[in-house]
């Protein structure tokens, strides 16, 4: 996505492109851990899909991802381990799959 824009100033990139650039900057030092705080916030759905595909590939390359995310379904589908916090307290924890199946998560976050 960014290769085509390499000669463009960062401030003129779209929101999704800026988010990808921020992740790329974070990867420049070859970290073992990448912390992402609401990376999909304000992005168009098509860009959210591309963003999570990128995060998944980064994780598959052996980089641990610490993700805080409002997009519950995408985050839990990606997560090896997940926690639900309410007013700063852990109220539920498990694998991403377990939390996707949890009634509390379905009702409160997935509208089911």
PDB file of N, CA and C in Angstrom:
ATOM      1  N   UNK A   1       0.833  -1.197   0.000  1.00  0.00           N
ATOM      2  CA  UNK A   1       0.000   0.000   0.000  1.00  0.00           C
ATOM      3  C   UNK A   1       0.871   1.252   0.000  1.00  0.00           C
ATOM      4  N   UNK A   2       1.885   1.267   0.849  1.00  0.00           N
ATOM      5  CA  UNK A   2       2.701   2.477   0.984  1.00  0.00           C
ATOM      6  C   UNK A   2       3.776   2.604  -0.094  1.00  0.00           C
ATOM      7  N   UNK A   3       4.123   1.511  -0.743  1.00  0.00           N
ATOM      8  CA  UNK A   3       5.187   1.559  -1.744  1.00  0.00           C
ATOM      9  C   UNK A   3       4.887   2.605  -2.819  1.00  0.00           C
ATOM     10  N   UNK A   4       3.626   2.677  -3.239  1.00  0.00           N
ATOM     11  CA  UNK A   4       3.230   3.638  -4.274  1.00  0.00           C
ATOM     12  C   UNK A   4       3.307   5.079  -3.778  1.00  0.00           C
ATOM     13  N   UNK A   5       3.335   5.270  -2.482  1.00  0.00           N
ATOM     14  CA  UNK A   5       3.288   6.610  -1.894  1.00  0.00           C
ATOM     15  C   UNK A   5       4.631   7.033  -1.270  1.00  0.00           C
ATOM     16  N   UNK A   6       5.688   6.317  -1.549  1.00  0.00           N
ATOM     17  CA  UNK A   6       6.962   6.560  -0.863  1.00  0.00           C
ATOM     18  C   UNK A   6       7.515   7.975  -1.045  1.00  0.00           C
ATOM     19  N   UNK A   7       7.119   8.684  -2.093  1.00  0.00           N
ATOM     20  CA  UNK A   7       7.600  10.053  -2.305  1.00  0.00           C
ATOM     21  C   UNK A   7       6.627  11.108  -1.797  1.00  0.00           C
ATOM     22  N   UNK A   8       5.570  10.676  -1.164  1.00  0.00           N
ATOM     23  CA  UNK A   8       4.533  11.582  -0.663  1.00  0.00           C
ATOM     24  C   UNK A   8       4.798  11.893   0.813  1.00  0.00           C
ATOM     25  N   UNK A   9       4.507  13.121   1.233  1.00  0.00           N
ATOM     26  CA  UNK A   9       4.668  13.502   2.637  1.00  0.00           C
ATOM     27  C   UNK A   9       3.665  12.747   3.500  1.00  0.00           C
ATOM     28  N   UNK A  10       4.117  12.329   4.684  1.00  0.00           N
ATOM     29  CA  UNK A  10       3.277  11.532   5.585  1.00  0.00           C
ATOM     30  C   UNK A  10       1.969  12.235   5.927  1.00  0.00           C
ATOM     31  N   UNK A  11       2.013  13.538   6.101  1.00  0.00           N
ATOM     32  CA  UNK A  11       0.819  14.291   6.481  1.00  0.00           C
ATOM     33  C   UNK A  11      -0.259  14.335   5.414  1.00  0.00           C
ATOM     34  N   UNK A  12       0.097  13.966   4.186  1.00  0.00           N
ATOM     35  CA  UNK A  12      -0.895  13.980   3.110  1.00  0.00           C
ATOM     36  C   UNK A  12      -1.476  12.593   2.832  1.00  0.00           C
ATOM     37  N   UNK A  13      -1.037  11.590   3.586  1.00  0.00           N
ATOM     38  CA  UNK A  13      -1.566  10.236   3.417  1.00  0.00           C
ATOM     39  C   UNK A  13      -2.957  10.136   4.026  1.00  0.00           C
ATOM     40  N   UNK A  14      -3.730   9.161   3.562  1.00  0.00           N
ATOM     41  CA  UNK A  14      -5.056   8.927   4.148  1.00  0.00           C
ATOM     42  C   UNK A  14      -4.886   8.377   5.566  1.00  0.00           C
ATOM     43  N   UNK A  15      -5.976   8.316   6.309  1.00  0.00           N
ATOM     44  CA  UNK A  15      -5.918   7.794   7.674  1.00  0.00           C
ATOM     45  C   UNK A  15      -5.374   6.378   7.729  1.00  0.00           C
ATOM     46  N   UNK A  16      -5.835   5.530   6.820  1.00  0.00           N
ATOM     47  CA  UNK A  16      -5.361   4.150   6.781  1.00  0.00           C
ATOM     48  C   UNK A  16      -3.889   4.064   6.424  1.00  0.00           C
ATOM     49  N   UNK A  17      -3.471   4.882   5.472  1.00  0.00           N
ATOM     50  CA  UNK A  17      -2.063   4.899   5.077  1.00  0.00           C
ATOM     51  C   UNK A  17      -1.196   5.414   6.215  1.00  0.00           C
ATOM     52  N   UNK A  18      -1.674   6.416   6.938  1.00  0.00           N
ATOM     53  CA  UNK A  18      -0.920   6.925   8.083  1.00  0.00           C
ATOM     54  C   UNK A  18      -0.797   5.855   9.165  1.00  0.00           C
ATOM     55  N   UNK A  19      -1.854   5.075   9.365  1.00  0.00           N
ATOM     56  CA  UNK A  19      -1.809   4.004  10.355  1.00  0.00           C
ATOM     57  C   UNK A  19      -0.790   2.938   9.939  1.00  0.00           C
ATOM     58  N   UNK A  20      -0.779   2.579   8.663  1.00  0.00           N
ATOM     59  CA  UNK A  20       0.203   1.614   8.158  1.00  0.00           C
ATOM     60  C   UNK A  20       1.621   2.157   8.311  1.00  0.00           C
ATOM     61  N   UNK A  21       1.794   3.452   8.054  1.00  0.00           N
ATOM     62  CA  UNK A  21       3.104   4.077   8.213  1.00  0.00           C
ATOM     63  C   UNK A  21       3.548   4.028   9.671  1.00  0.00           C
ATOM     64  N   UNK A  22       2.637   4.281  10.591  1.00  0.00           N
ATOM     65  CA  UNK A  22       2.976   4.228  12.018  1.00  0.00           C
ATOM     66  C   UNK A  22       3.419   2.816  12.409  1.00  0.00           C
ATOM     67  N   UNK A  23       2.737   1.821  11.901  1.00  0.00           N
ATOM     68  CA  UNK A  23       3.128   0.436  12.188  1.00  0.00           C
ATOM     69  C   UNK A  23       4.500   0.145  11.581  1.00  0.00           C
ATOM     70  N   UNK A  24       4.717   0.594  10.351  1.00  0.00           N
ATOM     71  CA  UNK A  24       6.014   0.382   9.698  1.00  0.00           C
ATOM     72  C   UNK A  24       7.140   1.036  10.491  1.00  0.00           C
ATOM     73  N   UNK A  25       6.898   2.229  10.990  1.00  0.00           N
ATOM     74  CA  UNK A  25       7.911   2.903  11.815  1.00  0.00           C
ATOM     75  C   UNK A  25       8.222   2.077  13.055  1.00  0.00           C
ATOM     76  N   UNK A  26       7.173   1.520  13.654  1.00  0.00           N
ATOM     77  CA  UNK A  26       7.366   0.688  14.838  1.00  0.00           C
ATOM     78  C   UNK A  26       8.164  -0.572  14.550  1.00  0.00           C
ATOM     79  N   UNK A  27       8.088  -1.066  13.329  1.00  0.00           N
ATOM     80  CA  UNK A  27       8.789  -2.295  12.963  1.00  0.00           C
ATOM     81  C   UNK A  27      10.241  -2.062  12.550  1.00  0.00           C
ATOM     82  N   UNK A  28      10.617  -0.812  12.332  1.00  0.00           N
ATOM     83  CA  UNK A  28      11.965  -0.513  11.842  1.00  0.00           C
ATOM     84  C   UNK A  28      13.063  -1.000  12.776  1.00  0.00           C
ATOM     85  N   UNK A  29      12.789  -1.034  14.067  1.00  0.00           N
ATOM     86  CA  UNK A  29      13.814  -1.463  15.022  1.00  0.00           C
ATOM     87  C   UNK A  29      13.761  -2.968  15.284  1.00  0.00           C
ATOM     88  N   UNK A  30      12.981  -3.683  14.498  1.00  0.00           N
ATOM     89  CA  UNK A  30      12.828  -5.134  14.612  1.00  0.00           C
ATOM     90  C   UNK A  30      12.447  -5.559  16.032  1.00  0.00           C
ATOM     91  N   UNK A  31      11.313  -5.081  16.515  1.00  0.00           N
ATOM     92  CA  UNK A  31      10.915  -5.388  17.893  1.00  0.00           C
ATOM     93  C   UNK A  31      10.435  -6.833  18.034  1.00  0.00           C
ATOM     94  N   UNK A  32      10.452  -7.309  19.265  1.00  0.00           N
ATOM     95  CA  UNK A  32       9.855  -8.609  19.578  1.00  0.00           C
ATOM     96  C   UNK A  32       8.397  -8.415  19.973  1.00  0.00           C
ATOM     97  N   UNK A  33       8.051  -7.180  20.361  1.00  0.00           N
ATOM     98  CA  UNK A  33       6.706  -6.832  20.803  1.00  0.00           C
ATOM     99  C   UNK A  33       6.272  -5.546  20.106  1.00  0.00           C
ATOM    100  N   UNK A  34       5.061  -5.552  19.565  1.00  0.00           N
ATOM    101  CA  UNK A  34       4.489  -4.358  18.945  1.00  0.00           C
ATOM    102  C   UNK A  34       3.191  -4.045  19.670  1.00  0.00           C
ATOM    103  N   UNK A  35       3.098  -2.848  20.250  1.00  0.00           N
ATOM    104  CA  UNK A  35       1.895  -2.437  20.971  1.00  0.00           C
ATOM    105  C   UNK A  35       1.069  -1.524  20.076  1.00  0.00           C
ATOM    106  N   UNK A  36      -0.202  -1.867  19.910  1.00  0.00           N
ATOM    107  CA  UNK A  36      -1.098  -1.104  19.041  1.00  0.00           C
ATOM    108  C   UNK A  36      -2.327  -0.687  19.831  1.00  0.00           C
ATOM    109  N   UNK A  37      -2.603   0.605  19.849  1.00  0.00           N
ATOM    110  CA  UNK A  37      -3.747   1.145  20.578  1.00  0.00           C
ATOM    111  C   UNK A  37      -4.787   1.638  19.577  1.00  0.00           C
ATOM    112  N   UNK A  38      -5.876   0.896  19.449  1.00  0.00           N
ATOM    113  CA  UNK A  38      -6.988   1.250  18.557  1.00  0.00           C
ATOM    114  C   UNK A  38      -6.517   1.536  17.123  1.00  0.00           C
ATOM    115  N   UNK A  39      -5.784   0.609  16.511  1.00  0.00           N
ATOM    116  CA  UNK A  39      -5.270   0.903  15.167  1.00  0.00           C
ATOM    117  C   UNK A  39      -6.347   1.083  14.104  1.00  0.00           C
ATOM    118  N   UNK A  40      -7.548   0.542  14.312  1.00  0.00           N
ATOM    119  CA  UNK A  40      -8.586   0.665  13.277  1.00  0.00           C
ATOM    120  C   UNK A  40      -9.507   1.864  13.475  1.00  0.00           C
ATOM    121  N   UNK A  41      -9.278   2.635  14.515  1.00  0.00           N
ATOM    122  CA  UNK A  41     -10.150   3.764  14.837  1.00  0.00           C
ATOM    123  C   UNK A  41     -10.258   4.736  13.662  1.00  0.00           C
ATOM    124  N   UNK A  42     -11.466   4.981  13.203  1.00  0.00           N
ATOM    125  CA  UNK A  42     -11.722   5.961  12.156  1.00  0.00           C
ATOM    126  C   UNK A  42     -11.435   5.505  10.739  1.00  0.00           C
ATOM    127  N   UNK A  43     -11.096   4.236  10.557  1.00  0.00           N
ATOM    128  CA  UNK A  43     -10.771   3.755   9.216  1.00  0.00           C
ATOM    129  C   UNK A  43     -12.000   3.193   8.510  1.00  0.00           C
ATOM    130  N   UNK A  44     -11.991   3.281   7.184  1.00  0.00           N
ATOM    131  CA  UNK A  44     -13.055   2.673   6.381  1.00  0.00           C
ATOM    132  C   UNK A  44     -12.966   1.152   6.528  1.00  0.00           C
ATOM    133  N   UNK A  45     -14.100   0.452   6.441  1.00  0.00           N
ATOM    134  CA  UNK A  45     -14.091  -1.007   6.618  1.00  0.00           C
ATOM    135  C   UNK A  45     -13.080  -1.748   5.743  1.00  0.00           C
ATOM    136  N   UNK A  46     -12.909  -1.348   4.501  1.00  0.00           N
ATOM    137  CA  UNK A  46     -11.949  -2.029   3.628  1.00  0.00           C
ATOM    138  C   UNK A  46     -10.530  -1.876   4.160  1.00  0.00           C
ATOM    139  N   UNK A  47     -10.221  -0.713   4.731  1.00  0.00           N
ATOM    140  CA  UNK A  47      -8.893  -0.499   5.299  1.00  0.00           C
ATOM    141  C   UNK A  47      -8.722  -1.270   6.600  1.00  0.00           C
ATOM    142  N   UNK A  48      -9.801  -1.435   7.350  1.00  0.00           N
ATOM    143  CA  UNK A  48      -9.738  -2.222   8.590  1.00  0.00           C
ATOM    144  C   UNK A  48      -9.342  -3.656   8.251  1.00  0.00           C
ATOM    145  N   UNK A  49      -9.940  -4.204   7.213  1.00  0.00           N
ATOM    146  CA  UNK A  49      -9.613  -5.567   6.791  1.00  0.00           C
ATOM    147  C   UNK A  49      -8.144  -5.672   6.409  1.00  0.00           C
ATOM    148  N   UNK A  50      -7.653  -4.729   5.619  1.00  0.00           N
ATOM    149  CA  UNK A  50      -6.242  -4.735   5.219  1.00  0.00           C
ATOM    150  C   UNK A  50      -5.329  -4.572   6.426  1.00  0.00           C
ATOM    151  N   UNK A  51      -5.720  -3.707   7.351  1.00  0.00           N
ATOM    152  CA  UNK A  51      -4.930  -3.479   8.553  1.00  0.00           C
ATOM    153  C   UNK A  51      -4.800  -4.763   9.366  1.00  0.00           C
ATOM    154  N   UNK A  52      -5.910  -5.453   9.586  1.00  0.00           N
ATOM    155  CA  UNK A  52      -5.858  -6.684  10.371  1.00  0.00           C
ATOM    156  C   UNK A  52      -5.114  -7.793   9.632  1.00  0.00           C
ATOM    157  N   UNK A  53      -5.177  -7.819   8.315  1.00  0.00           N
ATOM    158  CA  UNK A  53      -4.366  -8.773   7.550  1.00  0.00           C
ATOM    159  C   UNK A  53      -2.885  -8.494   7.789  1.00  0.00           C
ATOM    160  N   UNK A  54      -2.521  -7.222   7.811  1.00  0.00           N
ATOM    161  CA  UNK A  54      -1.136  -6.833   8.066  1.00  0.00           C
ATOM    162  C   UNK A  54      -0.715  -7.220   9.476  1.00  0.00           C
ATOM    163  N   UNK A  55      -1.556  -6.944  10.458  1.00  0.00           N
ATOM    164  CA  UNK A  55      -1.245  -7.300  11.849  1.00  0.00           C
ATOM    165  C   UNK A  55      -1.075  -8.816  11.971  1.00  0.00           C
ATOM    166  N   UNK A  56      -1.934  -9.566  11.312  1.00  0.00           N
ATOM    167  CA  UNK A  56      -1.850 -11.034  11.333  1.00  0.00           C
ATOM    168  C   UNK A  56      -0.513 -11.500  10.753  1.00  0.00           C
ATOM    169  N   UNK A  57      -0.095 -10.923   9.628  1.00  0.00           N
ATOM    170  CA  UNK A  57       1.187 -11.301   9.010  1.00  0.00           C
ATOM    171  C   UNK A  57       2.363 -10.962   9.921  1.00  0.00           C
ATOM    172  N   UNK A  58       2.301  -9.813  10.570  1.00  0.00           N
ATOM    173  CA  UNK A  58       3.368  -9.422  11.497  1.00  0.00           C
ATOM    174  C   UNK A  58       3.468 -10.447  12.618  1.00  0.00           C
ATOM    175  N   UNK A  59       2.332 -10.852  13.156  1.00  0.00           N
ATOM    176  CA  UNK A  59       2.305 -11.847  14.225  1.00  0.00           C
ATOM    177  C   UNK A  59       2.842 -13.195  13.736  1.00  0.00           C
ATOM    178  N   UNK A  60       2.493 -13.583  12.525  1.00  0.00           N
ATOM    179  CA  UNK A  60       2.974 -14.848  11.960  1.00  0.00           C
ATOM    180  C   UNK A  60       4.485 -14.855  11.769  1.00  0.00           C
ATOM    181  N   UNK A  61       5.082 -13.669  11.681  1.00  0.00           N
ATOM    182  CA  UNK A  61       6.535 -13.562  11.560  1.00  0.00           C
ATOM    183  C   UNK A  61       7.225 -13.649  12.915  1.00  0.00           C
ATOM    184  N   UNK A  62       6.459 -13.889  13.973  1.00  0.00           N
ATOM    185  CA  UNK A  62       7.042 -14.106  15.293  1.00  0.00           C
ATOM    186  C   UNK A  62       7.046 -12.899  16.202  1.00  0.00           C
ATOM    187  N   UNK A  63       6.413 -11.821  15.803  1.00  0.00           N
ATOM    188  CA  UNK A  63       6.353 -10.624  16.646  1.00  0.00           C
ATOM    189  C   UNK A  63       5.088 -10.694  17.496  1.00  0.00           C
ATOM    190  N   UNK A  64       5.259 -10.533  18.801  1.00  0.00           N
ATOM    191  CA  UNK A  64       4.123 -10.520  19.715  1.00  0.00           C
ATOM    192  C   UNK A  64       3.370  -9.213  19.544  1.00  0.00           C
ATOM    193  N   UNK A  65       2.053  -9.288  19.511  1.00  0.00           N
ATOM    194  CA  UNK A  65       1.212  -8.104  19.350  1.00  0.00           C
ATOM    195  C   UNK A  65       0.413  -7.891  20.626  1.00  0.00           C
ATOM    196  N   UNK A  66       0.523  -6.707  21.207  1.00  0.00           N
ATOM    197  CA  UNK A  66      -0.335  -6.295  22.320  1.00  0.00           C
ATOM    198  C   UNK A  66      -1.315  -5.297  21.719  1.00  0.00           C
ATOM    199  N   UNK A  67      -2.581  -5.692  21.665  1.00  0.00           N
ATOM    200  CA  UNK A  67      -3.579  -4.933  20.917  1.00  0.00           C
ATOM    201  C   UNK A  67      -4.715  -4.479  21.820  1.00  0.00           C
ATOM    202  N   UNK A  68      -4.990  -3.189  21.800  1.00  0.00           N
ATOM    203  CA  UNK A  68      -6.192  -2.623  22.417  1.00  0.00           C
ATOM    204  C   UNK A  68      -7.051  -2.199  21.239  1.00  0.00           C
ATOM    205  N   UNK A  69      -8.273  -2.742  21.161  1.00  0.00           N
ATOM    206  CA  UNK A  69      -9.049  -2.538  19.941  1.00  0.00           C
ATOM    207  C   UNK A  69     -10.545  -2.543  20.208  1.00  0.00           C
ATOM    208  N   UNK A  70     -11.245  -1.611  19.553  1.00  0.00           N
ATOM    209  CA  UNK A  70     -12.700  -1.522  19.661  1.00  0.00           C
ATOM    210  C   UNK A  70     -13.407  -2.510  18.738  1.00  0.00           C
ATOM    211  N   UNK A  71     -12.747  -2.945  17.695  1.00  0.00           N
ATOM    212  CA  UNK A  71     -13.315  -3.889  16.741  1.00  0.00           C
ATOM    213  C   UNK A  71     -13.156  -5.293  17.329  1.00  0.00           C
ATOM    214  N   UNK A  72     -14.122  -5.680  18.152  1.00  0.00           N
ATOM    215  CA  UNK A  72     -14.017  -6.883  18.975  1.00  0.00           C
ATOM    216  C   UNK A  72     -13.857  -8.150  18.140  1.00  0.00           C
ATOM    217  N   UNK A  73     -14.688  -8.314  17.139  1.00  0.00           N
ATOM    218  CA  UNK A  73     -14.623  -9.547  16.348  1.00  0.00           C
ATOM    219  C   UNK A  73     -13.248  -9.719  15.705  1.00  0.00           C
ATOM    220  N   UNK A  74     -12.761  -8.698  15.028  1.00  0.00           N
ATOM    221  CA  UNK A  74     -11.444  -8.782  14.376  1.00  0.00           C
ATOM    222  C   UNK A  74     -10.344  -9.056  15.394  1.00  0.00           C
ATOM    223  N   UNK A  75     -10.385  -8.358  16.520  1.00  0.00           N
ATOM    224  CA  UNK A  75      -9.350  -8.523  17.538  1.00  0.00           C
ATOM    225  C   UNK A  75      -9.351  -9.934  18.112  1.00  0.00           C
ATOM    226  N   UNK A  76     -10.532 -10.459  18.422  1.00  0.00           N
ATOM    227  CA  UNK A  76     -10.606 -11.792  19.020  1.00  0.00           C
ATOM    228  C   UNK A  76     -10.276 -12.892  18.013  1.00  0.00           C
ATOM    229  N   UNK A  77     -10.576 -12.674  16.751  1.00  0.00           N
ATOM    230  CA  UNK A  77     -10.199 -13.657  15.734  1.00  0.00           C
ATOM    231  C   UNK A  77      -8.685 -13.731  15.585  1.00  0.00           C
ATOM    232  N   UNK A  78      -8.009 -12.664  15.886  1.00  0.00           N
ATOM    233  CA  UNK A  78      -6.554 -12.581  15.792  1.00  0.00           C
ATOM    234  C   UNK A  78      -5.855 -13.069  17.061  1.00  0.00           C
ATOM    235  N   UNK A  79      -6.511 -12.920  18.202  1.00  0.00           N
ATOM    236  CA  UNK A  79      -5.863 -13.089  19.508  1.00  0.00           C
ATOM    237  C   UNK A  79      -5.601 -14.539  19.895  1.00  0.00           C
ATOM    238  N   UNK A  80      -4.391 -14.777  20.410  1.00  0.00           N
ATOM    239  CA  UNK A  80      -4.101 -16.040  21.081  1.00  0.00           C
ATOM    240  C   UNK A  80      -4.686 -15.985  22.491  1.00  0.00           C
ATOM    241  N   UNK A  81      -4.565 -14.835  23.114  1.00  0.00           N
ATOM    242  CA  UNK A  81      -5.030 -14.618  24.487  1.00  0.00           C
ATOM    243  C   UNK A  81      -5.752 -13.278  24.508  1.00  0.00           C
ATOM    244  N   UNK A  82      -6.858 -13.200  25.266  1.00  0.00           N
ATOM    245  CA  UNK A  82      -7.644 -11.964  25.283  1.00  0.00           C
ATOM    246  C   UNK A  82      -8.195 -11.691  26.677  1.00  0.00           C
ATOM    247  N   UNK A  83      -8.430 -10.415  26.938  1.00  0.00           N
ATOM    248  CA  UNK A  83      -8.970  -9.958  28.217  1.00  0.00           C
ATOM    249  C   UNK A  83     -10.046  -8.923  27.939  1.00  0.00           C
ATOM    250  N   UNK A  84     -11.120  -8.967  28.719  1.00  0.00           N
ATOM    251  CA  UNK A  84     -12.153  -7.940  28.660  1.00  0.00           C
ATOM    252  C   UNK A  84     -12.020  -7.130  29.935  1.00  0.00           C
ATOM    253  N   UNK A  85     -11.852  -5.818  29.775  1.00  0.00           N
ATOM    254  CA  UNK A  85     -11.739  -4.926  30.927  1.00  0.00           C
ATOM    255  C   UNK A  85     -12.983  -4.067  31.036  1.00  0.00           C
ATOM    256  N   UNK A  86     -13.461  -3.894  32.242  1.00  0.00           N
ATOM    257  CA  UNK A  86     -14.567  -2.990  32.526  1.00  0.00           C
ATOM    258  C   UNK A  86     -14.104  -2.097  33.660  1.00  0.00           C
ATOM    259  N   UNK A  87     -14.079  -0.801  33.416  1.00  0.00           N
ATOM    260  CA  UNK A  87     -13.573   0.206  34.363  1.00  0.00           C
ATOM    261  C   UNK A  87     -12.238  -0.210  34.976  1.00  0.00           C
ATOM    262  N   UNK A  88     -11.344  -0.701  34.105  1.00  0.00           N
ATOM    263  CA  UNK A  88      -9.992  -1.025  34.528  1.00  0.00           C
ATOM    264  C   UNK A  88      -9.809  -2.381  35.178  1.00  0.00           C
ATOM    265  N   UNK A  89     -10.859  -3.164  35.302  1.00  0.00           N
ATOM    266  CA  UNK A  89     -10.762  -4.484  35.928  1.00  0.00           C
ATOM    267  C   UNK A  89     -11.001  -5.585  34.900  1.00  0.00           C
ATOM    268  N   UNK A  90     -10.215  -6.652  34.994  1.00  0.00           N
ATOM    269  CA  UNK A  90     -10.405  -7.800  34.113  1.00  0.00           C
ATOM    270  C   UNK A  90     -11.652  -8.549  34.571  1.00  0.00           C
ATOM    271  N   UNK A  91     -12.636  -8.652  33.678  1.00  0.00           N
ATOM    272  CA  UNK A  91     -13.874  -9.359  34.011  1.00  0.00           C
ATOM    273  C   UNK A  91     -13.996 -10.681  33.257  1.00  0.00           C
ATOM    274  N   UNK A  92     -13.154 -10.865  32.247  1.00  0.00           N
ATOM    275  CA  UNK A  92     -13.201 -12.097  31.467  1.00  0.00           C
ATOM    276  C   UNK A  92     -11.856 -12.267  30.781  1.00  0.00           C
ATOM    277  N   UNK A  93     -11.368 -13.499  30.741  1.00  0.00           N
ATOM    278  CA  UNK A  93     -10.121 -13.770  30.032  1.00  0.00           C
ATOM    279  C   UNK A  93     -10.161 -15.170  29.446  1.00  0.00           C
ATOM    280  N   UNK A  94      -9.377 -15.379  28.407  1.00  0.00           N
ATOM    281  CA  UNK A  94      -9.314 -16.678  27.745  1.00  0.00           C
ATOM    282  C   UNK A  94      -8.676 -16.527  26.380  1.00  0.00           C
ATOM    283  N   UNK A  95      -8.810 -17.550  25.564  1.00  0.00           N
ATOM    284  CA  UNK A  95      -8.312 -17.441  24.192  1.00  0.00           C
ATOM    285  C   UNK A  95      -9.273 -16.551  23.405  1.00  0.00           C
ATOM    286  N   UNK A  96      -8.823 -16.083  22.281  1.00  0.00           N
ATOM    287  CA  UNK A  96      -9.704 -15.281  21.438  1.00  0.00           C
ATOM    288  C   UNK A  96     -10.961 -16.041  21.059  1.00  0.00           C
ATOM    289  N   UNK A  97     -10.801 -17.310  20.711  1.00  0.00           N
ATOM    290  CA  UNK A  97     -11.946 -18.161  20.351  1.00  0.00           C
ATOM    291  C   UNK A  97     -12.912 -18.307  21.516  1.00  0.00           C
ATOM    292  N   UNK A  98     -12.375 -18.536  22.723  1.00  0.00           N
ATOM    293  CA  UNK A  98     -13.237 -18.686  23.901  1.00  0.00           C
ATOM    294  C   UNK A  98     -14.058 -17.423  24.136  1.00  0.00           C
ATOM    295  N   UNK A  99     -13.421 -16.276  24.007  1.00  0.00           N
ATOM    296  CA  UNK A  99     -14.149 -15.035  24.243  1.00  0.00           C
ATOM    297  C   UNK A  99     -15.172 -14.749  23.148  1.00  0.00           C
ATOM    298  N   UNK A 100     -14.888 -15.152  21.916  1.00  0.00           N
ATOM    299  CA  UNK A 100     -15.878 -14.994  20.846  1.00  0.00           C
ATOM    300  C   UNK A 100     -17.146 -15.789  21.141  1.00  0.00           C
ATOM    301  N   UNK A 101     -17.003 -16.889  21.862  1.00  0.00           N
ATOM    302  CA  UNK A 101     -18.145 -17.742  22.200  1.00  0.00           C
ATOM    303  C   UNK A 101     -18.793 -17.372  23.530  1.00  0.00           C
ATOM    304  N   UNK A 102     -18.168 -16.505  24.322  1.00  0.00           N
ATOM    305  CA  UNK A 102     -18.690 -16.144  25.644  1.00  0.00           C
ATOM    306  C   UNK A 102     -19.969 -15.318  25.512  1.00  0.00           C
ATOM    307  N   UNK A 103     -20.990 -15.686  26.261  1.00  0.00           N
ATOM    308  CA  UNK A 103     -22.277 -14.987  26.206  1.00  0.00           C
ATOM    309  C   UNK A 103     -22.136 -13.497  26.515  1.00  0.00           C
ATOM    310  N   UNK A 104     -21.323 -13.160  27.516  1.00  0.00           N
ATOM    311  CA  UNK A 104     -21.147 -11.752  27.890  1.00  0.00           C
ATOM    312  C   UNK A 104     -20.604 -10.941  26.709  1.00  0.00           C
ATOM    313  N   UNK A 105     -19.632 -11.490  26.014  1.00  0.00           N
ATOM    314  CA  UNK A 105     -19.033 -10.804  24.866  1.00  0.00           C
ATOM    315  C   UNK A 105     -20.048 -10.697  23.733  1.00  0.00           C
ATOM    316  N   UNK A 106     -20.758 -11.773  23.472  1.00  0.00           N
ATOM    317  CA  UNK A 106     -21.772 -11.751  22.413  1.00  0.00           C
ATOM    318  C   UNK A 106     -22.814 -10.662  22.664  1.00  0.00           C
ATOM    319  N   UNK A 107     -23.290 -10.577  23.881  1.00  0.00           N
ATOM    320  CA  UNK A 107     -24.335  -9.598  24.209  1.00  0.00           C
ATOM    321  C   UNK A 107     -23.800  -8.169  24.249  1.00  0.00           C
ATOM    322  N   UNK A 108     -22.696  -7.977  24.944  1.00  0.00           N
ATOM    323  CA  UNK A 108     -22.196  -6.621  25.181  1.00  0.00           C
ATOM    324  C   UNK A 108     -21.445  -6.020  23.994  1.00  0.00           C
ATOM    325  N   UNK A 109     -20.748  -6.857  23.214  1.00  0.00           N
ATOM    326  CA  UNK A 109     -19.852  -6.309  22.200  1.00  0.00           C
ATOM    327  C   UNK A 109     -20.158  -6.730  20.767  1.00  0.00           C
ATOM    328  N   UNK A 110     -20.904  -7.818  20.604  1.00  0.00           N
ATOM    329  CA  UNK A 110     -21.167  -8.311  19.252  1.00  0.00           C
ATOM    330  C   UNK A 110     -22.619  -8.160  18.832  1.00  0.00           C
ATOM    331  N   UNK A 111     -23.445  -7.625  19.727  1.00  0.00           N
ATOM    332  CA  UNK A 111     -24.842  -7.374  19.401  1.00  0.00           C
ATOM    333  C   UNK A 111     -25.649  -8.627  19.114  1.00  0.00           C
ATOM    334  N   UNK A 112     -25.323  -9.696  19.786  1.00  0.00           N
ATOM    335  CA  UNK A 112     -26.040 -10.967  19.554  1.00  0.00           C
ATOM    336  C   UNK A 112     -26.950 -11.303  20.717  1.00  0.00           C
TER     337      UNK A 112
END
